[in-house]
PDB file of N, CA and C in Angstrom:
ATOM      1  N   UNK A   1       0.748  -0.802   0.003  1.00  0.00           N
ATOM      2  CA  UNK A   1      -0.062  -0.036  -0.139  1.00  0.00           C
ATOM      3  C   UNK A   1       1.086   1.284  -0.228  1.00  0.00           C
ATOM      4  N   UNK A   2       0.365   2.577  -0.565  1.00  0.00           N
ATOM      5  CA  UNK A   2       1.438   2.984  -0.255  1.00  0.00           C
ATOM      6  C   UNK A   2      -0.075   4.634  -0.295  1.00  0.00           C
ATOM      7  N   UNK A   3       1.230   5.716   0.479  1.00  0.00           N
ATOM      8  CA  UNK A   3       0.117   6.757   1.415  1.00  0.00           C
ATOM      9  C   UNK A   3       0.171   8.032  -0.303  1.00  0.00           C
ATOM     10  N   UNK A   4      -1.293   8.376  -0.470  1.00  0.00           N
ATOM     11  CA  UNK A   4      -1.459   9.445  -1.191  1.00  0.00           C
ATOM     12  C   UNK A   4      -1.603  10.516  -0.348  1.00  0.00           C
ATOM     13  N   UNK A   5      -0.790  11.375  -0.699  1.00  0.00           N
ATOM     14  CA  UNK A   5      -1.292  12.303  -0.092  1.00  0.00           C
ATOM     15  C   UNK A   5      -2.315  13.725  -0.185  1.00  0.00           C
ATOM     16  N   UNK A   6      -2.954  14.227   0.023  1.00  0.00           N
ATOM     17  CA  UNK A   6      -4.214  14.844   0.288  1.00  0.00           C
ATOM     18  C   UNK A   6      -3.574  16.397  -0.605  1.00  0.00           C
ATOM     19  N   UNK A   7      -4.274  16.859  -1.339  1.00  0.00           N
ATOM     20  CA  UNK A   7      -3.516  18.016  -2.615  1.00  0.00           C
ATOM     21  C   UNK A   7      -4.985  19.458  -2.621  1.00  0.00           C
ATOM     22  N   UNK A   8      -6.136  19.202  -1.679  1.00  0.00           N
ATOM     23  CA  UNK A   8      -7.357  19.692  -1.612  1.00  0.00           C
ATOM     24  C   UNK A   8      -7.049  21.182  -0.449  1.00  0.00           C
ATOM     25  N   UNK A   9      -6.433  21.708  -0.824  1.00  0.00           N
ATOM     26  CA  UNK A   9      -6.120  22.875  -0.439  1.00  0.00           C
ATOM     27  C   UNK A   9      -6.861  24.003  -0.577  1.00  0.00           C
ATOM     28  N   UNK A  10      -7.577  25.231   0.205  1.00  0.00           N
ATOM     29  CA  UNK A  10      -8.610  26.131   0.049  1.00  0.00           C
ATOM     30  C   UNK A  10      -7.569  27.115   0.671  1.00  0.00           C
ATOM     31  N   UNK A  11      -7.950  28.437  -0.617  1.00  0.00           N
ATOM     32  CA  UNK A  11      -7.287  29.333  -0.146  1.00  0.00           C
ATOM     33  C   UNK A  11      -7.783  30.294   0.525  1.00  0.00           C
ATOM     34  N   UNK A  12      -7.325  31.394   1.389  1.00  0.00           N
ATOM     35  CA  UNK A  12      -8.480  32.783   1.956  1.00  0.00           C
ATOM     36  C   UNK A  12      -8.989  32.994   1.484  1.00  0.00           C
ATOM     37  N   UNK A  13     -10.432  33.038   1.554  1.00  0.00           N
ATOM     38  CA  UNK A  13     -11.439  33.700   0.552  1.00  0.00           C
ATOM     39  C   UNK A  13     -12.685  32.721   0.098  1.00  0.00           C
ATOM     40  N   UNK A  14     -11.973  31.273  -0.783  1.00  0.00           N
ATOM     41  CA  UNK A  14     -12.652  30.654  -1.233  1.00  0.00           C
ATOM     42  C   UNK A  14     -14.457  30.073  -0.367  1.00  0.00           C
ATOM     43  N   UNK A  15     -15.123  29.554  -1.284  1.00  0.00           N
ATOM     44  CA  UNK A  15     -16.177  29.541  -0.297  1.00  0.00           C
ATOM     45  C   UNK A  15     -16.218  27.557  -0.592  1.00  0.00           C
ATOM     46  N   UNK A  16     -16.751  27.003   0.742  1.00  0.00           N
ATOM     47  CA  UNK A  16     -16.850  26.373   0.900  1.00  0.00           C
ATOM     48  C   UNK A  16     -18.413  25.412   1.681  1.00  0.00           C
ATOM     49  N   UNK A  17     -18.597  24.401   2.107  1.00  0.00           N
ATOM     50  CA  UNK A  17     -19.693  23.871   2.541  1.00  0.00           C
ATOM     51  C   UNK A  17     -19.616  22.809   3.315  1.00  0.00           C
ATOM     52  N   UNK A  18     -19.724  22.722   5.099  1.00  0.00           N
ATOM     53  CA  UNK A  18     -19.350  21.776   5.159  1.00  0.00           C
ATOM     54  C   UNK A  18     -19.894  20.170   5.717  1.00  0.00           C
ATOM     55  N   UNK A  19     -19.041  19.500   5.591  1.00  0.00           N
ATOM     56  CA  UNK A  19     -19.807  17.973   5.173  1.00  0.00           C
ATOM     57  C   UNK A  19     -20.720  17.249   6.614  1.00  0.00           C
ATOM     58  N   UNK A  20     -19.860  17.852   7.643  1.00  0.00           N
ATOM     59  CA  UNK A  20     -20.121  17.472   9.517  1.00  0.00           C
ATOM     60  C   UNK A  20     -20.474  18.724  10.327  1.00  0.00           C
ATOM     61  N   UNK A  21     -21.649  18.443  10.990  1.00  0.00           N
ATOM     62  CA  UNK A  21     -21.760  19.701  11.966  1.00  0.00           C
ATOM     63  C   UNK A  21     -19.931  19.965  12.433  1.00  0.00           C
ATOM     64  N   UNK A  22     -20.424  21.614  12.473  1.00  0.00           N
ATOM     65  CA  UNK A  22     -18.950  22.571  13.219  1.00  0.00           C
ATOM     66  C   UNK A  22     -19.485  22.282  14.948  1.00  0.00           C
ATOM     67  N   UNK A  23     -18.885  21.844  15.692  1.00  0.00           N
ATOM     68  CA  UNK A  23     -19.953  22.742  17.428  1.00  0.00           C
ATOM     69  C   UNK A  23     -18.728  22.985  17.783  1.00  0.00           C
ATOM     70  N   UNK A  24     -19.424  24.059  18.823  1.00  0.00           N
ATOM     71  CA  UNK A  24     -18.395  25.221  19.851  1.00  0.00           C
ATOM     72  C   UNK A  24     -19.305  25.446  20.885  1.00  0.00           C
ATOM     73  N   UNK A  25     -18.823  25.954  22.174  1.00  0.00           N
ATOM     74  CA  UNK A  25     -19.084  26.075  23.326  1.00  0.00           C
ATOM     75  C   UNK A  25     -20.195  27.190  23.146  1.00  0.00           C
ATOM     76  N   UNK A  26     -19.937  27.938  22.134  1.00  0.00           N
ATOM     77  CA  UNK A  26     -20.737  29.406  21.308  1.00  0.00           C
ATOM     78  C   UNK A  26     -21.973  28.958  20.200  1.00  0.00           C
ATOM     79  N   UNK A  27     -21.655  27.638  19.410  1.00  0.00           N
ATOM     80  CA  UNK A  27     -22.767  27.398  18.022  1.00  0.00           C
ATOM     81  C   UNK A  27     -22.849  26.250  17.956  1.00  0.00           C
ATOM     82  N   UNK A  28     -23.036  25.866  16.444  1.00  0.00           N
ATOM     83  CA  UNK A  28     -22.571  25.120  15.613  1.00  0.00           C
ATOM     84  C   UNK A  28     -22.965  25.576  14.231  1.00  0.00           C
ATOM     85  N   UNK A  29     -22.756  25.090  13.520  1.00  0.00           N
ATOM     86  CA  UNK A  29     -22.426  24.642  12.360  1.00  0.00           C
ATOM     87  C   UNK A  29     -23.533  23.832  11.613  1.00  0.00           C
ATOM     88  N   UNK A  30     -24.754  23.441  10.946  1.00  0.00           N
ATOM     89  CA  UNK A  30     -25.336  22.486  10.350  1.00  0.00           C
ATOM     90  C   UNK A  30     -24.349  22.107   8.952  1.00  0.00           C
ATOM     91  N   UNK A  31     -24.555  20.833   8.838  1.00  0.00           N
ATOM     92  CA  UNK A  31     -24.501  20.711   7.521  1.00  0.00           C
ATOM     93  C   UNK A  31     -24.704  20.797   6.485  1.00  0.00           C
ATOM     94  N   UNK A  32     -23.589  21.373   5.185  1.00  0.00           N
ATOM     95  CA  UNK A  32     -24.226  22.056   4.330  1.00  0.00           C
ATOM     96  C   UNK A  32     -24.546  23.519   4.184  1.00  0.00           C
ATOM     97  N   UNK A  33     -23.970  24.059   5.189  1.00  0.00           N
ATOM     98  CA  UNK A  33     -23.861  25.246   5.436  1.00  0.00           C
ATOM     99  C   UNK A  33     -22.399  26.293   4.663  1.00  0.00           C
ATOM    100  N   UNK A  34     -22.945  26.957   3.987  1.00  0.00           N
ATOM    101  CA  UNK A  34     -22.128  27.723   3.215  1.00  0.00           C
ATOM    102  C   UNK A  34     -20.648  28.406   4.010  1.00  0.00           C
ATOM    103  N   UNK A  35     -19.891  28.594   3.613  1.00  0.00           N
ATOM    104  CA  UNK A  35     -18.648  29.035   4.887  1.00  0.00           C
ATOM    105  C   UNK A  35     -17.958  29.330   3.932  1.00  0.00           C
ATOM    106  N   UNK A  36     -17.351  30.956   4.039  1.00  0.00           N
ATOM    107  CA  UNK A  36     -15.828  31.226   3.552  1.00  0.00           C
ATOM    108  C   UNK A  36     -15.052  31.058   4.444  1.00  0.00           C
ATOM    109  N   UNK A  37     -14.060  30.503   3.797  1.00  0.00           N
ATOM    110  CA  UNK A  37     -12.404  30.286   4.347  1.00  0.00           C
ATOM    111  C   UNK A  37     -11.836  31.960   4.767  1.00  0.00           C
ATOM    112  N   UNK A  38     -11.644  32.468   6.258  1.00  0.00           N
ATOM    113  CA  UNK A  38     -10.611  33.092   6.908  1.00  0.00           C
ATOM    114  C   UNK A  38      -9.379  32.943   6.998  1.00  0.00           C
ATOM    115  N   UNK A  39      -9.514  31.905   7.311  1.00  0.00           N
ATOM    116  CA  UNK A  39      -7.851  31.524   8.426  1.00  0.00           C
ATOM    117  C   UNK A  39      -7.251  29.894   7.996  1.00  0.00           C
ATOM    118  N   UNK A  40      -6.219  29.982   8.207  1.00  0.00           N
ATOM    119  CA  UNK A  40      -5.482  28.589   7.954  1.00  0.00           C
ATOM    120  C   UNK A  40      -4.313  28.266   8.893  1.00  0.00           C
ATOM    121  N   UNK A  41      -4.580  27.315   9.288  1.00  0.00           N
ATOM    122  CA  UNK A  41      -3.531  27.185  10.019  1.00  0.00           C
ATOM    123  C   UNK A  41      -2.607  25.265  10.109  1.00  0.00           C
ATOM    124  N   UNK A  42      -1.481  25.482   9.607  1.00  0.00           N
ATOM    125  CA  UNK A  42      -1.014  24.596   9.265  1.00  0.00           C
ATOM    126  C   UNK A  42      -1.486  22.860  10.367  1.00  0.00           C
ATOM    127  N   UNK A  43      -1.606  23.606  11.603  1.00  0.00           N
ATOM    128  CA  UNK A  43      -1.737  22.167  12.659  1.00  0.00           C
ATOM    129  C   UNK A  43      -2.799  21.692  13.409  1.00  0.00           C
ATOM    130  N   UNK A  44      -3.951  23.152  12.633  1.00  0.00           N
ATOM    131  CA  UNK A  44      -4.974  23.282  13.267  1.00  0.00           C
ATOM    132  C   UNK A  44      -6.589  22.891  11.980  1.00  0.00           C
ATOM    133  N   UNK A  45      -6.011  23.635  11.068  1.00  0.00           N
ATOM    134  CA  UNK A  45      -7.205  23.129  10.283  1.00  0.00           C
ATOM    135  C   UNK A  45      -7.046  25.065   9.942  1.00  0.00           C
ATOM    136  N   UNK A  46      -8.279  24.927   8.736  1.00  0.00           N
ATOM    137  CA  UNK A  46      -8.979  26.558   9.229  1.00  0.00           C
ATOM    138  C   UNK A  46     -10.213  26.549   9.523  1.00  0.00           C
ATOM    139  N   UNK A  47     -10.880  27.675   9.906  1.00  0.00           N
ATOM    140  CA  UNK A  47     -10.704  28.884  10.413  1.00  0.00           C
ATOM    141  C   UNK A  47     -12.589  29.052   9.329  1.00  0.00           C
ATOM    142  N   UNK A  48     -13.556  29.477   9.837  1.00  0.00           N
ATOM    143  CA  UNK A  48     -14.564  29.758   8.421  1.00  0.00           C
ATOM    144  C   UNK A  48     -15.582  30.479   8.955  1.00  0.00           C
ATOM    145  N   UNK A  49     -16.066  31.390   8.351  1.00  0.00           N
ATOM    146  CA  UNK A  49     -16.890  32.835   8.401  1.00  0.00           C
ATOM    147  C   UNK A  49     -18.183  32.727   7.942  1.00  0.00           C
ATOM    148  N   UNK A  50     -19.608  32.056   8.622  1.00  0.00           N
ATOM    149  CA  UNK A  50     -20.656  32.190   7.817  1.00  0.00           C
ATOM    150  C   UNK A  50     -20.964  33.673   7.190  1.00  0.00           C
ATOM    151  N   UNK A  51     -22.116  34.083   6.345  1.00  0.00           N
ATOM    152  CA  UNK A  51     -22.559  35.008   5.590  1.00  0.00           C
ATOM    153  C   UNK A  51     -23.599  35.716   6.598  1.00  0.00           C
ATOM    154  N   UNK A  52     -23.395  35.305   7.926  1.00  0.00           N
ATOM    155  CA  UNK A  52     -23.977  36.833   9.384  1.00  0.00           C
ATOM    156  C   UNK A  52     -22.691  37.184  10.104  1.00  0.00           C
ATOM    157  N   UNK A  53     -21.464  36.883   9.673  1.00  0.00           N
ATOM    158  CA  UNK A  53     -20.333  37.043  10.951  1.00  0.00           C
ATOM    159  C   UNK A  53     -19.676  36.194  11.795  1.00  0.00           C
ATOM    160  N   UNK A  54     -20.711  35.071  12.049  1.00  0.00           N
ATOM    161  CA  UNK A  54     -20.163  33.640  12.979  1.00  0.00           C
ATOM    162  C   UNK A  54     -18.900  33.009  12.194  1.00  0.00           C
ATOM    163  N   UNK A  55     -17.976  32.511  13.431  1.00  0.00           N
ATOM    164  CA  UNK A  55     -16.257  32.621  13.328  1.00  0.00           C
ATOM    165  C   UNK A  55     -16.339  31.392  13.881  1.00  0.00           C
ATOM    166  N   UNK A  56     -15.948  30.144  13.241  1.00  0.00           N
ATOM    167  CA  UNK A  56     -15.440  28.897  14.153  1.00  0.00           C
ATOM    168  C   UNK A  56     -14.116  29.640  13.608  1.00  0.00           C
ATOM    169  N   UNK A  57     -12.909  28.667  14.527  1.00  0.00           N
ATOM    170  CA  UNK A  57     -11.922  28.973  14.228  1.00  0.00           C
ATOM    171  C   UNK A  57     -10.929  27.807  14.661  1.00  0.00           C
ATOM    172  N   UNK A  58      -9.838  27.268  13.571  1.00  0.00           N
ATOM    173  CA  UNK A  58      -9.212  25.976  13.984  1.00  0.00           C
ATOM    174  C   UNK A  58     -10.114  24.880  13.740  1.00  0.00           C
ATOM    175  N   UNK A  59     -10.879  24.498  12.839  1.00  0.00           N
ATOM    176  CA  UNK A  59     -11.649  23.734  12.789  1.00  0.00           C
ATOM    177  C   UNK A  59     -11.570  22.119  12.472  1.00  0.00           C
ATOM    178  N   UNK A  60     -10.485  22.305  11.600  1.00  0.00           N
ATOM    179  CA  UNK A  60      -9.688  20.683  11.449  1.00  0.00           C
ATOM    180  C   UNK A  60      -9.618  20.843   9.629  1.00  0.00           C
ATOM    181  N   UNK A  61      -9.127  19.768   8.861  1.00  0.00           N
ATOM    182  CA  UNK A  61      -9.143  19.764   7.496  1.00  0.00           C
ATOM    183  C   UNK A  61     -10.289  18.456   7.657  1.00  0.00           C
ATOM    184  N   UNK A  62     -11.495  17.958   7.623  1.00  0.00           N
ATOM    185  CA  UNK A  62     -11.843  16.616   7.410  1.00  0.00           C
ATOM    186  C   UNK A  62     -13.220  17.598   6.916  1.00  0.00           C
ATOM    187  N   UNK A  63     -13.732  18.137   7.136  1.00  0.00           N
ATOM    188  CA  UNK A  63     -15.149  18.712   6.717  1.00  0.00           C
ATOM    189  C   UNK A  63     -15.370  19.752   5.998  1.00  0.00           C
ATOM    190  N   UNK A  64     -15.353  20.361   4.856  1.00  0.00           N
ATOM    191  CA  UNK A  64     -15.831  21.023   3.799  1.00  0.00           C
ATOM    192  C   UNK A  64     -14.810  20.377   2.623  1.00  0.00           C
ATOM    193  N   UNK A  65     -16.218  20.911   1.799  1.00  0.00           N
ATOM    194  CA  UNK A  65     -15.708  20.665   0.188  1.00  0.00           C
ATOM    195  C   UNK A  65     -16.202  22.194  -0.034  1.00  0.00           C
ATOM    196  N   UNK A  66     -15.301  22.238  -1.282  1.00  0.00           N
ATOM    197  CA  UNK A  66     -15.242  23.522  -2.101  1.00  0.00           C
ATOM    198  C   UNK A  66     -16.864  23.554  -2.662  1.00  0.00           C
ATOM    199  N   UNK A  67     -17.601  24.501  -3.258  1.00  0.00           N
ATOM    200  CA  UNK A  67     -18.241  24.629  -3.594  1.00  0.00           C
ATOM    201  C   UNK A  67     -18.499  24.395  -4.120  1.00  0.00           C
ATOM    202  N   UNK A  68     -17.887  24.508  -5.499  1.00  0.00           N
ATOM    203  CA  UNK A  68     -18.069  24.283  -7.013  1.00  0.00           C
ATOM    204  C   UNK A  68     -16.985  23.083  -7.062  1.00  0.00           C
ATOM    205  N   UNK A  69     -17.363  22.031  -6.331  1.00  0.00           N
ATOM    206  CA  UNK A  69     -16.703  20.613  -6.249  1.00  0.00           C
ATOM    207  C   UNK A  69     -17.189  19.439  -7.197  1.00  0.00           C
ATOM    208  N   UNK A  70     -16.681  19.472  -8.266  1.00  0.00           N
ATOM    209  CA  UNK A  70     -17.003  17.965  -8.989  1.00  0.00           C
ATOM    210  C   UNK A  70     -16.898  16.597  -9.129  1.00  0.00           C
ATOM    211  N   UNK A  71     -15.711  16.149  -8.043  1.00  0.00           N
ATOM    212  CA  UNK A  71     -14.861  14.710  -8.110  1.00  0.00           C
ATOM    213  C   UNK A  71     -14.076  15.327  -8.032  1.00  0.00           C
ATOM    214  N   UNK A  72     -13.123  13.852  -7.464  1.00  0.00           N
ATOM    215  CA  UNK A  72     -11.974  13.674  -7.570  1.00  0.00           C
ATOM    216  C   UNK A  72     -11.010  14.436  -9.196  1.00  0.00           C
ATOM    217  N   UNK A  73     -10.218  15.416  -8.830  1.00  0.00           N
ATOM    218  CA  UNK A  73      -9.658  15.011 -10.842  1.00  0.00           C
ATOM    219  C   UNK A  73      -8.265  14.128 -11.026  1.00  0.00           C
ATOM    220  N   UNK A  74      -8.782  13.622 -12.339  1.00  0.00           N
ATOM    221  CA  UNK A  74      -8.162  11.976 -12.269  1.00  0.00           C
ATOM    222  C   UNK A  74      -6.732  13.072 -13.164  1.00  0.00           C
TER     223      UNK A  74
END
């Protein structure tokens, strides 16, 4: 077996949708919420914000798909 590295890195300002519920003490983003990437930490993940200014910082790497995602590139 071989390790295949992930090449999906979203830039600041990219529009994404979460594929799992994001929860914090302040609230949560339901699955499918349109979010904007507002930050990135190589160890802790993406920071996102919705259209109402609600932010969640350092959410990890495994929760988003780019808004115009059409499947893996060959």
